[in-house]
């Protein structure tokens, strides 16, 4: 693959990290959600799912974007 890429000057490759939370604003939203759901004392899957759905449903669109680092005002 490297030889083929090297022989085609018009194709430029960039290596990206496998996982880079600091460059993915959605990680902040998932971190917040995880903190809320992990605090749930019930450990059944149904209860955890309800907790996650409730958290997301209670966020306004702007709150979700702000938590994800995609909106500031």
N, C-alpha and C. Protein backbone atom coordinates (compact mmCIF):
# COMPACT_ATOMS: atom_id res chain seq x y z
N UNK A 1 0.82 -1.18 0.00
CA UNK A 1 0.00 0.00 0.00
C UNK A 1 0.87 1.25 0.00
N UNK A 2 1.90 1.25 0.83
CA UNK A 2 2.79 2.41 0.93
C UNK A 2 3.45 2.69 -0.42
N UNK A 3 3.88 1.64 -1.12
CA UNK A 3 4.51 1.84 -2.44
C UNK A 3 3.52 2.46 -3.42
N UNK A 4 2.30 1.96 -3.42
CA UNK A 4 1.29 2.48 -4.34
C UNK A 4 1.02 3.95 -4.03
N UNK A 5 0.87 4.27 -2.76
CA UNK A 5 0.63 5.66 -2.37
C UNK A 5 1.80 6.55 -2.76
N UNK A 6 3.01 6.06 -2.54
CA UNK A 6 4.20 6.85 -2.88
C UNK A 6 4.31 7.09 -4.38
N UNK A 7 3.78 6.19 -5.19
CA UNK A 7 3.87 6.34 -6.64
C UNK A 7 2.76 7.23 -7.21
N UNK A 8 1.84 7.68 -6.39
CA UNK A 8 0.76 8.55 -6.82
C UNK A 8 0.86 9.89 -6.07
N UNK A 9 1.50 10.84 -6.73
CA UNK A 9 1.80 12.12 -6.08
C UNK A 9 0.56 12.92 -5.68
N UNK A 10 -0.55 12.68 -6.34
CA UNK A 10 -1.75 13.48 -6.06
C UNK A 10 -2.46 13.03 -4.78
N UNK A 11 -2.08 11.91 -4.25
CA UNK A 11 -2.73 11.40 -3.04
C UNK A 11 -1.83 11.69 -1.85
N UNK A 12 -2.37 12.39 -0.90
CA UNK A 12 -1.62 12.75 0.31
C UNK A 12 -2.28 12.07 1.51
N UNK A 13 -1.50 11.40 2.31
CA UNK A 13 -2.04 10.71 3.48
C UNK A 13 -1.65 11.45 4.76
N UNK A 14 -2.52 11.34 5.73
CA UNK A 14 -2.28 11.93 7.05
C UNK A 14 -2.63 10.88 8.09
N UNK A 15 -1.71 10.61 8.97
CA UNK A 15 -1.97 9.65 10.04
C UNK A 15 -2.78 10.33 11.13
N UNK A 16 -3.82 9.66 11.56
CA UNK A 16 -4.68 10.18 12.62
C UNK A 16 -4.60 9.24 13.82
N UNK A 17 -4.74 9.78 15.02
CA UNK A 17 -4.71 8.91 16.20
C UNK A 17 -5.93 7.98 16.21
N UNK A 18 -5.75 6.82 16.80
CA UNK A 18 -6.85 5.86 16.88
C UNK A 18 -7.99 6.42 17.73
N UNK A 19 -7.64 7.15 18.77
CA UNK A 19 -8.65 7.74 19.64
C UNK A 19 -8.08 9.02 20.21
N UNK A 20 -8.78 10.11 20.05
CA UNK A 20 -8.28 11.40 20.49
C UNK A 20 -9.42 12.22 21.07
N UNK A 21 -9.78 12.00 22.35
CA UNK A 21 -10.93 12.68 22.92
C UNK A 21 -10.81 14.20 22.93
N UNK A 22 -9.60 14.72 23.01
CA UNK A 22 -9.45 16.18 23.05
C UNK A 22 -9.80 16.83 21.72
N UNK A 23 -9.81 16.07 20.64
CA UNK A 23 -10.20 16.64 19.35
C UNK A 23 -11.63 16.27 18.96
N UNK A 24 -12.32 15.57 19.83
CA UNK A 24 -13.70 15.17 19.56
C UNK A 24 -14.61 15.76 20.64
N UNK A 25 -15.28 16.88 20.34
CA UNK A 25 -16.10 17.54 21.35
C UNK A 25 -17.23 16.67 21.90
N UNK A 26 -17.69 15.69 21.15
CA UNK A 26 -18.77 14.82 21.64
C UNK A 26 -18.33 14.03 22.86
N UNK A 27 -17.04 13.84 23.04
CA UNK A 27 -16.55 13.10 24.20
C UNK A 27 -16.98 13.78 25.50
N UNK A 28 -17.08 15.12 25.49
CA UNK A 28 -17.53 15.83 26.70
C UNK A 28 -18.97 15.47 27.04
N UNK A 29 -19.81 15.37 26.03
CA UNK A 29 -21.21 14.98 26.26
C UNK A 29 -21.28 13.55 26.79
N UNK A 30 -20.51 12.64 26.18
CA UNK A 30 -20.53 11.25 26.64
C UNK A 30 -19.99 11.14 28.06
N UNK A 31 -18.96 11.94 28.39
CA UNK A 31 -18.39 11.92 29.74
C UNK A 31 -19.43 12.37 30.76
N UNK A 32 -20.16 13.43 30.43
CA UNK A 32 -21.21 13.94 31.31
C UNK A 32 -22.32 12.90 31.48
N UNK A 33 -22.73 12.30 30.38
CA UNK A 33 -23.77 11.27 30.42
C UNK A 33 -23.30 10.08 31.26
N UNK A 34 -22.08 9.64 31.05
CA UNK A 34 -21.55 8.51 31.81
C UNK A 34 -21.53 8.81 33.30
N UNK A 35 -21.13 10.04 33.66
CA UNK A 35 -21.11 10.42 35.07
C UNK A 35 -22.49 10.36 35.70
N UNK A 36 -23.48 10.81 34.95
CA UNK A 36 -24.86 10.78 35.48
C UNK A 36 -25.37 9.35 35.59
N UNK A 37 -25.14 8.55 34.58
CA UNK A 37 -25.65 7.18 34.57
C UNK A 37 -24.89 6.33 35.58
N UNK A 38 -23.58 6.53 35.69
CA UNK A 38 -22.78 5.75 36.62
C UNK A 38 -23.18 6.04 38.06
N UNK A 39 -23.72 7.23 38.32
CA UNK A 39 -24.16 7.59 39.67
C UNK A 39 -25.47 6.91 40.04
N UNK A 40 -26.12 6.31 39.08
CA UNK A 40 -27.39 5.61 39.32
C UNK A 40 -27.12 4.37 40.17
N UNK A 41 -27.78 4.28 41.32
CA UNK A 41 -27.53 3.16 42.23
C UNK A 41 -28.10 1.85 41.73
N UNK A 42 -29.14 1.93 40.94
CA UNK A 42 -29.70 0.71 40.36
C UNK A 42 -28.73 0.19 39.30
N UNK A 43 -28.55 -1.07 39.24
CA UNK A 43 -27.60 -1.62 38.29
C UNK A 43 -28.24 -2.48 37.20
N UNK A 44 -29.56 -2.46 37.11
CA UNK A 44 -30.17 -3.24 36.03
C UNK A 44 -30.00 -2.46 34.73
N UNK A 45 -29.92 -3.17 33.64
CA UNK A 45 -29.75 -2.53 32.35
C UNK A 45 -30.93 -1.61 32.03
N UNK A 46 -32.13 -2.04 32.37
CA UNK A 46 -33.31 -1.21 32.12
C UNK A 46 -33.23 0.12 32.86
N UNK A 47 -32.81 0.08 34.12
CA UNK A 47 -32.72 1.30 34.92
C UNK A 47 -31.64 2.22 34.38
N UNK A 48 -30.50 1.67 34.00
CA UNK A 48 -29.43 2.49 33.45
C UNK A 48 -29.85 3.13 32.12
N UNK A 49 -30.55 2.36 31.30
CA UNK A 49 -31.03 2.89 30.03
C UNK A 49 -32.04 4.01 30.24
N UNK A 50 -32.93 3.83 31.19
CA UNK A 50 -33.91 4.88 31.50
C UNK A 50 -33.21 6.13 32.00
N UNK A 51 -32.18 5.96 32.82
CA UNK A 51 -31.43 7.10 33.35
C UNK A 51 -30.75 7.87 32.21
N UNK A 52 -30.14 7.15 31.28
CA UNK A 52 -29.47 7.79 30.14
C UNK A 52 -30.48 8.53 29.27
N UNK A 53 -31.60 7.89 28.98
CA UNK A 53 -32.63 8.52 28.15
C UNK A 53 -33.18 9.78 28.83
N UNK A 54 -33.38 9.69 30.14
CA UNK A 54 -33.92 10.84 30.87
C UNK A 54 -32.93 12.01 30.84
N UNK A 55 -31.65 11.72 31.04
CA UNK A 55 -30.64 12.77 31.00
C UNK A 55 -30.64 13.46 29.64
N UNK A 56 -30.61 12.68 28.57
CA UNK A 56 -30.56 13.26 27.23
C UNK A 56 -31.85 14.00 26.90
N UNK A 57 -32.99 13.47 27.33
CA UNK A 57 -34.28 14.12 27.05
C UNK A 57 -34.40 15.45 27.77
N UNK A 58 -33.77 15.58 28.93
CA UNK A 58 -33.85 16.81 29.71
C UNK A 58 -32.92 17.91 29.21
N UNK A 59 -31.99 17.57 28.34
CA UNK A 59 -31.10 18.58 27.77
C UNK A 59 -31.82 19.33 26.66
N UNK A 60 -31.71 20.63 26.67
CA UNK A 60 -32.21 21.39 25.52
C UNK A 60 -31.19 21.22 24.39
N UNK A 61 -31.57 21.59 23.20
CA UNK A 61 -30.63 21.50 22.07
C UNK A 61 -29.36 22.28 22.33
N UNK A 62 -29.53 23.50 22.89
CA UNK A 62 -28.36 24.34 23.17
C UNK A 62 -27.50 23.73 24.27
N UNK A 63 -28.14 23.13 25.29
CA UNK A 63 -27.36 22.50 26.37
C UNK A 63 -26.54 21.34 25.82
N UNK A 64 -27.14 20.55 24.96
CA UNK A 64 -26.42 19.41 24.38
C UNK A 64 -25.24 19.89 23.56
N UNK A 65 -25.45 20.91 22.74
CA UNK A 65 -24.35 21.45 21.94
C UNK A 65 -23.28 22.09 22.81
N UNK A 66 -23.69 22.79 23.87
CA UNK A 66 -22.73 23.43 24.77
C UNK A 66 -21.90 22.37 25.50
N UNK A 67 -22.57 21.32 26.00
CA UNK A 67 -21.86 20.25 26.70
C UNK A 67 -20.87 19.56 25.77
N UNK A 68 -21.25 19.44 24.50
CA UNK A 68 -20.37 18.80 23.53
C UNK A 68 -19.29 19.75 23.00
N UNK A 69 -19.30 20.99 23.49
CA UNK A 69 -18.29 21.95 23.07
C UNK A 69 -18.53 22.53 21.69
N UNK A 70 -19.76 22.42 21.20
CA UNK A 70 -20.06 22.89 19.85
C UNK A 70 -20.85 24.19 19.83
N UNK A 71 -21.14 24.75 21.00
CA UNK A 71 -21.95 25.97 21.07
C UNK A 71 -21.48 26.79 22.26
N UNK A 72 -21.33 28.07 22.05
CA UNK A 72 -21.00 28.94 23.18
C UNK A 72 -21.81 30.22 23.04
N UNK A 73 -22.34 30.67 24.16
CA UNK A 73 -23.10 31.90 24.17
C UNK A 73 -23.33 32.34 25.59
